[in-house]
Amino acid sequence: MNKELDWPRIAHLMKIGFVAALMVLAGDMLLGWGMQTKEIIL
């Protein structure tokens, strides 16, 4: 295996991961993450 890191590929994958994390956070907010009443959740 090559000992030199492929920094452009690593940076691209980190950007994809960051965007995916933001999408998950937005989905959690829309579905009611942190709701006070838990009876609504099935």
PDB file of N, CA and C in Angstrom:
ATOM      1  N   MET A   1       0.836  -1.188   0.000  1.00  0.00           N
ATOM      2  CA  MET A   1       0.000   0.000   0.000  1.00  0.00           C
ATOM      3  C   MET A   1       0.878   1.247   0.000  1.00  0.00           C
ATOM      4  N   ASN A   2       0.391   2.265  -0.647  1.00  0.00           N
ATOM      5  CA  ASN A   2       1.149   3.510  -0.754  1.00  0.00           C
ATOM      6  C   ASN A   2       1.189   4.208   0.605  1.00  0.00           C
ATOM      7  N   LYS A   3       2.379   4.656   1.022  1.00  0.00           N
ATOM      8  CA  LYS A   3       2.515   5.310   2.324  1.00  0.00           C
ATOM      9  C   LYS A   3       2.070   6.762   2.292  1.00  0.00           C
ATOM     10  N   GLU A   4       1.954   7.345   1.113  1.00  0.00           N
ATOM     11  CA  GLU A   4       1.548   8.738   1.002  1.00  0.00           C
ATOM     12  C   GLU A   4       0.020   8.816   0.967  1.00  0.00           C
ATOM     13  N   LEU A   5      -0.535   9.725   1.774  1.00  0.00           N
ATOM     14  CA  LEU A   5      -1.985   9.869   1.856  1.00  0.00           C
ATOM     15  C   LEU A   5      -2.512  10.667   0.670  1.00  0.00           C
ATOM     16  N   ASP A   6      -3.705  10.301   0.236  1.00  0.00           N
ATOM     17  CA  ASP A   6      -4.372  10.997  -0.865  1.00  0.00           C
ATOM     18  C   ASP A   6      -5.279  12.072  -0.276  1.00  0.00           C
ATOM     19  N   TRP A   7      -4.702  13.250   0.017  1.00  0.00           N
ATOM     20  CA  TRP A   7      -5.425  14.299   0.731  1.00  0.00           C
ATOM     21  C   TRP A   7      -6.637  14.837  -0.016  1.00  0.00           C
ATOM     22  N   PRO A   8      -6.613  14.994  -1.335  1.00  0.00           N
ATOM     23  CA  PRO A   8      -7.838  15.450  -2.011  1.00  0.00           C
ATOM     24  C   PRO A   8      -9.006  14.476  -1.827  1.00  0.00           C
ATOM     25  N   ARG A   9      -8.736  13.184  -1.890  1.00  0.00           N
ATOM     26  CA  ARG A   9      -9.795  12.187  -1.687  1.00  0.00           C
ATOM     27  C   ARG A   9     -10.283  12.214  -0.241  1.00  0.00           C
ATOM     28  N   ILE A  10      -9.373  12.350   0.708  1.00  0.00           N
ATOM     29  CA  ILE A  10      -9.753  12.403   2.122  1.00  0.00           C
ATOM     30  C   ILE A  10     -10.616  13.637   2.376  1.00  0.00           C
ATOM     31  N   ALA A  11     -10.236  14.774   1.825  1.00  0.00           N
ATOM     32  CA  ALA A  11     -11.005  16.008   2.012  1.00  0.00           C
ATOM     33  C   ALA A  11     -12.398  15.871   1.397  1.00  0.00           C
ATOM     34  N   HIS A  12     -12.481  15.243   0.234  1.00  0.00           N
ATOM     35  CA  HIS A  12     -13.779  15.046  -0.420  1.00  0.00           C
ATOM     36  C   HIS A  12     -14.686  14.156   0.425  1.00  0.00           C
ATOM     37  N   LEU A  13     -14.152  13.069   0.950  1.00  0.00           N
ATOM     38  CA  LEU A  13     -14.952  12.164   1.783  1.00  0.00           C
ATOM     39  C   LEU A  13     -15.364  12.828   3.089  1.00  0.00           C
ATOM     40  N   MET A  14     -14.510  13.671   3.648  1.00  0.00           N
ATOM     41  CA  MET A  14     -14.873  14.400   4.867  1.00  0.00           C
ATOM     42  C   MET A  14     -16.012  15.375   4.591  1.00  0.00           C
ATOM     43  N   LYS A  15     -15.981  16.034   3.428  1.00  0.00           N
ATOM     44  CA  LYS A  15     -17.070  16.947   3.073  1.00  0.00           C
ATOM     45  C   LYS A  15     -18.386  16.182   2.919  1.00  0.00           C
ATOM     46  N   ILE A  16     -18.337  15.022   2.267  1.00  0.00           N
ATOM     47  CA  ILE A  16     -19.539  14.208   2.113  1.00  0.00           C
ATOM     48  C   ILE A  16     -20.069  13.784   3.480  1.00  0.00           C
ATOM     49  N   GLY A  17     -19.188  13.377   4.366  1.00  0.00           N
ATOM     50  CA  GLY A  17     -19.591  12.966   5.707  1.00  0.00           C
ATOM     51  C   GLY A  17     -20.201  14.111   6.500  1.00  0.00           C
ATOM     52  N   PHE A  18     -19.658  15.299   6.355  1.00  0.00           N
ATOM     53  CA  PHE A  18     -20.187  16.469   7.066  1.00  0.00           C
ATOM     54  C   PHE A  18     -21.573  16.829   6.566  1.00  0.00           C
ATOM     55  N   VAL A  19     -21.763  16.799   5.244  1.00  0.00           N
ATOM     56  CA  VAL A  19     -23.082  17.091   4.674  1.00  0.00           C
ATOM     57  C   VAL A  19     -24.090  16.031   5.112  1.00  0.00           C
ATOM     58  N   ALA A  20     -23.684  14.767   5.133  1.00  0.00           N
ATOM     59  CA  ALA A  20     -24.576  13.695   5.571  1.00  0.00           C
ATOM     60  C   ALA A  20     -24.961  13.881   7.039  1.00  0.00           C
ATOM     61  N   ALA A  21     -24.015  14.291   7.871  1.00  0.00           N
ATOM     62  CA  ALA A  21     -24.314  14.523   9.285  1.00  0.00           C
ATOM     63  C   ALA A  21     -25.312  15.666   9.452  1.00  0.00           C
ATOM     64  N   LEU A  22     -25.182  16.706   8.657  1.00  0.00           N
ATOM     65  CA  LEU A  22     -26.132  17.817   8.718  1.00  0.00           C
ATOM     66  C   LEU A  22     -27.524  17.378   8.266  1.00  0.00           C
ATOM     67  N   MET A  23     -27.577  16.501   7.250  1.00  0.00           N
ATOM     68  CA  MET A  23     -28.869  15.995   6.787  1.00  0.00           C
ATOM     69  C   MET A  23     -29.544  15.147   7.867  1.00  0.00           C
ATOM     70  N   VAL A  24     -28.764  14.327   8.562  1.00  0.00           N
ATOM     71  CA  VAL A  24     -29.313  13.515   9.644  1.00  0.00           C
ATOM     72  C   VAL A  24     -29.810  14.402  10.774  1.00  0.00           C
ATOM     73  N   LEU A  25     -29.052  15.424  11.118  1.00  0.00           N
ATOM     74  CA  LEU A  25     -29.472  16.352  12.168  1.00  0.00           C
ATOM     75  C   LEU A  25     -30.767  17.064  11.777  1.00  0.00           C
ATOM     76  N   ALA A  26     -30.885  17.500  10.528  1.00  0.00           N
ATOM     77  CA  ALA A  26     -32.110  18.164  10.068  1.00  0.00           C
ATOM     78  C   ALA A  26     -33.285  17.192  10.130  1.00  0.00           C
ATOM     79  N   GLY A  27     -33.070  15.935   9.741  1.00  0.00           N
ATOM     80  CA  GLY A  27     -34.128  14.937   9.821  1.00  0.00           C
ATOM     81  C   GLY A  27     -34.561  14.677  11.247  1.00  0.00           C
ATOM     82  N   ASP A  28     -33.606  14.631  12.164  1.00  0.00           N
ATOM     83  CA  ASP A  28     -33.934  14.444  13.579  1.00  0.00           C
ATOM     84  C   ASP A  28     -34.771  15.615  14.095  1.00  0.00           C
ATOM     85  N   MET A  29     -34.423  16.818  13.694  1.00  0.00           N
ATOM     86  CA  MET A  29     -35.188  17.993  14.126  1.00  0.00           C
ATOM     87  C   MET A  29     -36.610  17.949  13.564  1.00  0.00           C
ATOM     88  N   LEU A  30     -36.756  17.560  12.306  1.00  0.00           N
ATOM     89  CA  LEU A  30     -38.085  17.501  11.693  1.00  0.00           C
ATOM     90  C   LEU A  30     -38.947  16.415  12.322  1.00  0.00           C
ATOM     91  N   LEU A  31     -38.335  15.308  12.745  1.00  0.00           N
ATOM     92  CA  LEU A  31     -39.093  14.211  13.335  1.00  0.00           C
ATOM     93  C   LEU A  31     -39.333  14.405  14.819  1.00  0.00           C
ATOM     94  N   GLY A  32     -38.807  15.459  15.387  1.00  0.00           N
ATOM     95  CA  GLY A  32     -39.113  15.767  16.770  1.00  0.00           C
ATOM     96  C   GLY A  32     -38.090  15.295  17.767  1.00  0.00           C
ATOM     97  N   TRP A  33     -36.828  15.377  17.434  1.00  0.00           N
ATOM     98  CA  TRP A  33     -35.759  15.022  18.365  1.00  0.00           C
ATOM     99  C   TRP A  33     -35.813  15.995  19.530  1.00  0.00           C
ATOM    100  N   GLY A  34     -35.857  15.474  20.746  1.00  0.00           N
ATOM    101  CA  GLY A  34     -35.910  16.322  21.915  1.00  0.00           C
ATOM    102  C   GLY A  34     -37.325  16.700  22.316  1.00  0.00           C
ATOM    103  N   MET A  35     -38.305  15.916  21.861  1.00  0.00           N
ATOM    104  CA  MET A  35     -39.683  16.211  22.247  1.00  0.00           C
ATOM    105  C   MET A  35     -39.873  15.932  23.740  1.00  0.00           C
ATOM    106  N   GLN A  36     -40.758  16.684  24.364  1.00  0.00           N
ATOM    107  CA  GLN A  36     -41.001  16.506  25.792  1.00  0.00           C
ATOM    108  C   GLN A  36     -41.896  15.296  26.068  1.00  0.00           C
ATOM    109  N   THR A  37     -42.878  15.068  25.196  1.00  0.00           N
ATOM    110  CA  THR A  37     -43.787  13.933  25.400  1.00  0.00           C
ATOM    111  C   THR A  37     -43.376  12.790  24.490  1.00  0.00           C
ATOM    112  N   LYS A  38     -43.246  11.607  25.061  1.00  0.00           N
ATOM    113  CA  LYS A  38     -42.804  10.449  24.295  1.00  0.00           C
ATOM    114  C   LYS A  38     -43.990   9.583  23.836  1.00  0.00           C
ATOM    115  N   GLU A  39     -45.235   9.967  24.145  1.00  0.00           N
ATOM    116  CA  GLU A  39     -46.378   9.149  23.761  1.00  0.00           C
ATOM    117  C   GLU A  39     -46.600   9.154  22.251  1.00  0.00           C
ATOM    118  N   ILE A  40     -46.152  10.197  21.581  1.00  0.00           N
ATOM    119  CA  ILE A  40     -46.407  10.328  20.138  1.00  0.00           C
ATOM    120  C   ILE A  40     -45.542   9.334  19.364  1.00  0.00           C
ATOM    121  N   ILE A  41     -44.357   9.055  19.872  1.00  0.00           N
ATOM    122  CA  ILE A  41     -43.412   8.172  19.173  1.00  0.00           C
ATOM    123  C   ILE A  41     -43.900   6.730  19.307  1.00  0.00           C
ATOM    124  N   LEU A  42     -43.940   6.025  18.160  1.00  0.00           N
ATOM    125  CA  LEU A  42     -44.390   4.625  18.181  1.00  0.00           C
ATOM    126  C   LEU A  42     -43.295   3.689  18.627  1.00  0.00           C
TER     127      LEU A  42
END
